[in-house]
Amino acid sequence: MQWGLYIKGRFAEKRAAFATFMAYDEALEKRIRRFFDRKRIKHEGKRMMGGLCFMVEGKMCVGVEKSRLMARVGPDAYEDALTRKGCRPMDFTGRPMRGFVFVEPEGFASEKELAFWLELALAYNPAAKKSARKEG
């Protein structure tokens, strides 16, 4: 529920803070879309976790959260990924999720660096499990 959008009048600063919380780097989104389009990879963007996730074959592959990249690299590539510049465990809930990493902007500054992370996530995608769909 996006209650922050409905606050009016003297609570305008809270509305602005809520909108900022939901923001993500649109330039990074465009770079990811351009990569997928060039490779002719069918993808879908979904808003979740305060950012934007890119689904490939119905599975979460990569995402944009604030100014950082989220990549689902899988458990086998996880430890090696953590040794790369700007990479750290994805701890969105306060507890690291094995197989998922956050990459700070210095880790994907060039197109070559971004392509590395996207290719790594795409390599794991066929083995990744789909989330259970909630019936509703």
C-alpha atoms as a PDB file:
ATOM      1  CA  MET A   1       0.000   0.000   0.000  1.00  0.00           C
ATOM      2  CA  GLN A   2       1.450   3.340  -0.988  1.00  0.00           C
ATOM      3  CA  TRP A   3       0.055   5.420   1.856  1.00  0.00           C
ATOM      4  CA  GLY A   4       2.780   8.018   1.383  1.00  0.00           C
ATOM      5  CA  LEU A   5       1.149   9.157  -1.823  1.00  0.00           C
ATOM      6  CA  TYR A   6      -2.024  10.193   0.005  1.00  0.00           C
ATOM      7  CA  ILE A   7      -0.542  12.393   2.722  1.00  0.00           C
ATOM      8  CA  LYS A   8      -1.379  16.053   2.064  1.00  0.00           C
ATOM      9  CA  GLY A   9      -0.794  19.513   3.438  1.00  0.00           C
ATOM     10  CA  ARG A  10       1.538  19.783   6.399  1.00  0.00           C
ATOM     11  CA  PHE A  11       2.831  16.235   5.827  1.00  0.00           C
ATOM     12  CA  ALA A  12       4.257  17.011   2.383  1.00  0.00           C
ATOM     13  CA  GLU A  13       7.817  16.397   3.620  1.00  0.00           C
ATOM     14  CA  LYS A  14       6.856  12.828   4.561  1.00  0.00           C
ATOM     15  CA  ARG A  15       5.399  12.317   1.092  1.00  0.00           C
ATOM     16  CA  ALA A  16       8.674  13.528  -0.412  1.00  0.00           C
ATOM     17  CA  ALA A  17      10.667  11.201   1.853  1.00  0.00           C
ATOM     18  CA  PHE A  18       8.463   8.271   0.852  1.00  0.00           C
ATOM     19  CA  ALA A  19       8.943   9.055  -2.844  1.00  0.00           C
ATOM     20  CA  THR A  20      12.720   9.202  -2.309  1.00  0.00           C
ATOM     21  CA  PHE A  21      12.670   5.806  -0.579  1.00  0.00           C
ATOM     22  CA  MET A  22      11.018   4.257  -3.627  1.00  0.00           C
ATOM     23  CA  ALA A  23      13.541   5.804  -6.069  1.00  0.00           C
ATOM     24  CA  TYR A  24      16.118   3.877  -8.043  1.00  0.00           C
ATOM     25  CA  ASP A  25      18.781   4.809 -10.594  1.00  0.00           C
ATOM     26  CA  GLU A  26      16.921   5.182 -13.883  1.00  0.00           C
ATOM     27  CA  ALA A  27      20.173   5.537 -15.841  1.00  0.00           C
ATOM     28  CA  LEU A  28      21.231   2.088 -14.603  1.00  0.00           C
ATOM     29  CA  GLU A  29      17.808   0.730 -15.547  1.00  0.00           C
ATOM     30  CA  LYS A  30      18.331   2.020 -19.106  1.00  0.00           C
ATOM     31  CA  ARG A  31      21.813   0.476 -19.301  1.00  0.00           C
ATOM     32  CA  ILE A  32      20.423  -2.915 -18.251  1.00  0.00           C
ATOM     33  CA  ARG A  33      17.501  -2.715 -20.703  1.00  0.00           C
ATOM     34  CA  ARG A  34      19.878  -1.717 -23.503  1.00  0.00           C
ATOM     35  CA  PHE A  35      22.109  -4.730 -22.717  1.00  0.00           C
ATOM     36  CA  PHE A  36      19.153  -7.144 -22.721  1.00  0.00           C
ATOM     37  CA  ASP A  37      17.745  -5.615 -25.916  1.00  0.00           C
ATOM     38  CA  ARG A  38      21.098  -5.862 -27.731  1.00  0.00           C
ATOM     39  CA  LYS A  39      21.395  -9.525 -26.727  1.00  0.00           C
ATOM     40  CA  ARG A  40      17.718 -10.086 -27.609  1.00  0.00           C
ATOM     41  CA  ILE A  41      16.999 -11.410 -24.137  1.00  0.00           C
ATOM     42  CA  LYS A  42      13.320 -11.349 -23.322  1.00  0.00           C
ATOM     43  CA  HIS A  43      12.875  -9.649 -19.956  1.00  0.00           C
ATOM     44  CA  GLU A  44      10.261  -8.022 -17.777  1.00  0.00           C
ATOM     45  CA  GLY A  45      10.781  -5.251 -15.240  1.00  0.00           C
ATOM     46  CA  LYS A  46       8.853  -5.553 -11.978  1.00  0.00           C
ATOM     47  CA  ARG A  47       8.795  -3.087  -9.119  1.00  0.00           C
ATOM     48  CA  MET A  48       9.685  -4.834  -5.888  1.00  0.00           C
ATOM     49  CA  MET A  49      11.792  -4.332  -2.775  1.00  0.00           C
ATOM     50  CA  GLY A  50      11.823  -0.564  -3.252  1.00  0.00           C
ATOM     51  CA  GLY A  51      13.449  -0.857  -6.651  1.00  0.00           C
ATOM     52  CA  LEU A  52      13.115  -2.583  -9.995  1.00  0.00           C
ATOM     53  CA  CYS A  53      13.817  -6.255 -10.670  1.00  0.00           C
ATOM     54  CA  PHE A  54      14.387  -7.734 -14.093  1.00  0.00           C
ATOM     55  CA  MET A  55      12.795 -11.118 -14.609  1.00  0.00           C
ATOM     56  CA  VAL A  56      14.196 -13.456 -17.272  1.00  0.00           C
ATOM     57  CA  GLU A  57      12.120 -16.559 -18.025  1.00  0.00           C
ATOM     58  CA  GLY A  58       9.939 -15.680 -15.042  1.00  0.00           C
ATOM     59  CA  LYS A  59      12.865 -15.707 -12.603  1.00  0.00           C
ATOM     60  CA  MET A  60      14.536 -12.811 -10.792  1.00  0.00           C
ATOM     61  CA  CYS A  61      17.835 -12.161 -12.553  1.00  0.00           C
ATOM     62  CA  VAL A  62      19.110  -8.661 -11.739  1.00  0.00           C
ATOM     63  CA  GLY A  63      17.711  -5.502 -10.247  1.00  0.00           C
ATOM     64  CA  VAL A  64      18.272  -1.870  -9.397  1.00  0.00           C
ATOM     65  CA  GLU A  65      17.963  -0.795  -5.767  1.00  0.00           C
ATOM     66  CA  LYS A  66      18.743   2.889  -5.182  1.00  0.00           C
ATOM     67  CA  SER A  67      22.042   3.347  -7.065  1.00  0.00           C
ATOM     68  CA  ARG A  68      23.284  -0.216  -6.800  1.00  0.00           C
ATOM     69  CA  LEU A  69      22.918  -3.324  -8.876  1.00  0.00           C
ATOM     70  CA  MET A  70      21.450  -6.495  -7.418  1.00  0.00           C
ATOM     71  CA  ALA A  71      22.603  -9.668  -9.157  1.00  0.00           C
ATOM     72  CA  ARG A  72      21.469 -13.247  -8.634  1.00  0.00           C
ATOM     73  CA  VAL A  73      24.754 -15.014  -9.289  1.00  0.00           C
ATOM     74  CA  GLY A  74      23.981 -18.343  -7.623  1.00  0.00           C
ATOM     75  CA  PRO A  75      25.737 -20.177  -4.807  1.00  0.00           C
ATOM     76  CA  ASP A  76      28.636 -21.486  -6.934  1.00  0.00           C
ATOM     77  CA  ALA A  77      29.780 -18.036  -8.144  1.00  0.00           C
ATOM     78  CA  TYR A  78      28.923 -16.248  -4.887  1.00  0.00           C
ATOM     79  CA  GLU A  79      32.290 -16.328  -3.083  1.00  0.00           C
ATOM     80  CA  ASP A  80      34.278 -15.317  -6.176  1.00  0.00           C
ATOM     81  CA  ALA A  81      31.814 -12.500  -6.890  1.00  0.00           C
ATOM     82  CA  LEU A  82      32.361 -11.076  -3.405  1.00  0.00           C
ATOM     83  CA  THR A  83      36.068 -10.553  -4.179  1.00  0.00           C
ATOM     84  CA  ARG A  84      35.302  -8.136  -7.036  1.00  0.00           C
ATOM     85  CA  LYS A  85      35.323  -4.351  -6.744  1.00  0.00           C
ATOM     86  CA  GLY A  86      32.164  -2.871  -5.218  1.00  0.00           C
ATOM     87  CA  CYS A  87      30.527  -6.220  -4.476  1.00  0.00           C
ATOM     88  CA  ARG A  88      29.034  -7.233  -1.141  1.00  0.00           C
ATOM     89  CA  PRO A  89      26.446  -9.695   0.126  1.00  0.00           C
ATOM     90  CA  MET A  90      22.826  -8.764  -0.495  1.00  0.00           C
ATOM     91  CA  ASP A  91      21.481  -8.144   2.967  1.00  0.00           C
ATOM     92  CA  PHE A  92      18.222  -6.396   2.126  1.00  0.00           C
ATOM     93  CA  THR A  93      16.434  -7.968   5.101  1.00  0.00           C
ATOM     94  CA  GLY A  94      19.432  -7.643   7.434  1.00  0.00           C
ATOM     95  CA  ARG A  95      20.461 -11.229   6.769  1.00  0.00           C
ATOM     96  CA  PRO A  96      22.693 -12.041   3.761  1.00  0.00           C
ATOM     97  CA  MET A  97      21.035 -14.045   0.996  1.00  0.00           C
ATOM     98  CA  ARG A  98      23.520 -16.532  -0.417  1.00  0.00           C
ATOM     99  CA  GLY A  99      23.687 -16.366  -4.191  1.00  0.00           C
ATOM    100  CA  PHE A 100      22.541 -12.721  -4.343  1.00  0.00           C
ATOM    101  CA  VAL A 101      24.921  -9.740  -4.295  1.00  0.00           C
ATOM    102  CA  PHE A 102      24.756  -5.963  -4.289  1.00  0.00           C
ATOM    103  CA  VAL A 103      27.263  -4.172  -6.497  1.00  0.00           C
ATOM    104  CA  GLU A 104      28.011  -0.529  -5.746  1.00  0.00           C
ATOM    105  CA  PRO A 105      28.355   1.887  -8.714  1.00  0.00           C
ATOM    106  CA  GLU A 106      32.182   1.676  -8.758  1.00  0.00           C
ATOM    107  CA  GLY A 107      31.799  -2.027  -9.596  1.00  0.00           C
ATOM    108  CA  PHE A 108      29.883  -1.406 -12.842  1.00  0.00           C
ATOM    109  CA  ALA A 109      31.113   2.020 -13.958  1.00  0.00           C
ATOM    110  CA  SER A 110      32.067   0.830 -17.456  1.00  0.00           C
ATOM    111  CA  GLU A 111      29.839  -1.066 -19.865  1.00  0.00           C
ATOM    112  CA  LYS A 112      32.326  -3.954 -19.733  1.00  0.00           C
ATOM    113  CA  GLU A 113      32.001  -4.171 -15.932  1.00  0.00           C
ATOM    114  CA  LEU A 114      28.199  -4.029 -16.103  1.00  0.00           C
ATOM    115  CA  ALA A 115      28.213  -6.715 -18.812  1.00  0.00           C
ATOM    116  CA  PHE A 116      30.273  -8.970 -16.522  1.00  0.00           C
ATOM    117  CA  TRP A 117      27.593  -8.846 -13.805  1.00  0.00           C
ATOM    118  CA  LEU A 118      24.702  -9.243 -16.209  1.00  0.00           C
ATOM    119  CA  GLU A 119      26.369 -12.213 -17.945  1.00  0.00           C
ATOM    120  CA  LEU A 120      27.104 -13.821 -14.572  1.00  0.00           C
ATOM    121  CA  ALA A 121      23.453 -13.492 -13.513  1.00  0.00           C
ATOM    122  CA  LEU A 122      22.239 -14.757 -16.894  1.00  0.00           C
ATOM    123  CA  ALA A 123      24.567 -17.774 -16.646  1.00  0.00           C
ATOM    124  CA  TYR A 124      22.897 -18.789 -13.379  1.00  0.00           C
ATOM    125  CA  ASN A 125      19.352 -18.027 -14.557  1.00  0.00           C
ATOM    126  CA  PRO A 126      18.611 -21.436 -16.177  1.00  0.00           C
ATOM    127  CA  ALA A 127      19.439 -23.198 -12.879  1.00  0.00           C
ATOM    128  CA  ALA A 128      17.557 -20.704 -10.688  1.00  0.00           C
ATOM    129  CA  LYS A 129      14.254 -21.751  -9.227  1.00  0.00           C
ATOM    130  CA  LYS A 130      11.099 -19.737  -9.864  1.00  0.00           C
ATOM    131  CA  SER A 131       9.387 -18.253  -6.849  1.00  0.00           C
ATOM    132  CA  ALA A 132       6.123 -19.894  -5.925  1.00  0.00           C
ATOM    133  CA  ARG A 133       3.282 -17.813  -7.336  1.00  0.00           C
ATOM    134  CA  LYS A 134       0.785 -16.641  -4.817  1.00  0.00           C
ATOM    135  CA  GLU A 135      -2.781 -17.436  -5.733  1.00  0.00           C
ATOM    136  CA  GLY A 136      -5.120 -14.564  -5.139  1.00  0.00           C
END
